[in-house]
Amino acid sequence: RTPHQQLPPRRPACTSVRTS
């Protein structure tokens, strides 16, 4: 389970938050 929100696969959490 990831501490951050449900991020897409094959993608870093940092980038996920930025892209979101």
N, C-alpha and C. Protein backbone atom coordinates (compact mmCIF):
# COMPACT_ATOMS: atom_id res chain seq x y z
N ARG A 1 0.85 -1.22 0.00
CA ARG A 1 0.00 0.00 0.00
C ARG A 1 0.88 1.26 0.00
N THR A 2 0.52 2.23 -0.80
CA THR A 2 1.33 3.45 -0.90
C THR A 2 0.81 4.54 0.03
N PRO A 3 1.71 5.26 0.66
CA PRO A 3 1.33 6.34 1.58
C PRO A 3 0.58 7.44 0.84
N HIS A 4 0.93 7.63 -0.43
CA HIS A 4 0.27 8.68 -1.21
C HIS A 4 -1.05 8.16 -1.78
N GLN A 5 -1.70 8.97 -2.57
CA GLN A 5 -2.95 8.55 -3.18
C GLN A 5 -2.69 7.45 -4.21
N GLN A 6 -3.73 6.81 -4.70
CA GLN A 6 -3.54 5.73 -5.67
C GLN A 6 -2.92 6.27 -6.96
N LEU A 7 -1.63 5.98 -7.12
CA LEU A 7 -0.94 6.49 -8.31
C LEU A 7 -0.90 5.41 -9.38
N PRO A 8 -0.83 5.80 -10.64
CA PRO A 8 -0.82 4.85 -11.75
C PRO A 8 0.45 4.02 -11.73
N PRO A 9 0.42 2.79 -12.28
CA PRO A 9 1.58 1.89 -12.31
C PRO A 9 2.67 2.42 -13.22
N ARG A 10 3.91 1.98 -12.95
CA ARG A 10 5.07 2.40 -13.75
C ARG A 10 5.25 3.91 -13.69
N ARG A 11 5.00 4.50 -12.53
CA ARG A 11 5.17 5.96 -12.41
C ARG A 11 5.52 6.32 -10.98
N PRO A 12 6.53 7.12 -10.77
CA PRO A 12 6.96 7.54 -9.43
C PRO A 12 5.89 8.37 -8.74
N ALA A 13 5.84 8.31 -7.43
CA ALA A 13 4.83 9.05 -6.67
C ALA A 13 4.99 10.55 -6.91
N CYS A 14 6.23 11.02 -6.90
CA CYS A 14 6.48 12.46 -7.08
C CYS A 14 5.87 12.94 -8.40
N THR A 15 6.13 12.20 -9.46
CA THR A 15 5.62 12.58 -10.78
C THR A 15 4.10 12.46 -10.80
N SER A 16 3.61 11.44 -10.10
CA SER A 16 2.16 11.21 -10.08
C SER A 16 1.43 12.43 -9.51
N VAL A 17 1.95 12.93 -8.40
CA VAL A 17 1.32 14.08 -7.75
C VAL A 17 1.38 15.29 -8.68
N ARG A 18 2.51 15.43 -9.37
CA ARG A 18 2.67 16.59 -10.27
C ARG A 18 1.72 16.48 -11.46
N THR A 19 1.61 15.28 -12.01
CA THR A 19 0.76 15.08 -13.18
C THR A 19 -0.71 15.16 -12.80
N SER A 20 -1.00 14.72 -11.59
CA SER A 20 -2.41 14.70 -11.15
C SER A 20 -3.05 16.06 -11.33
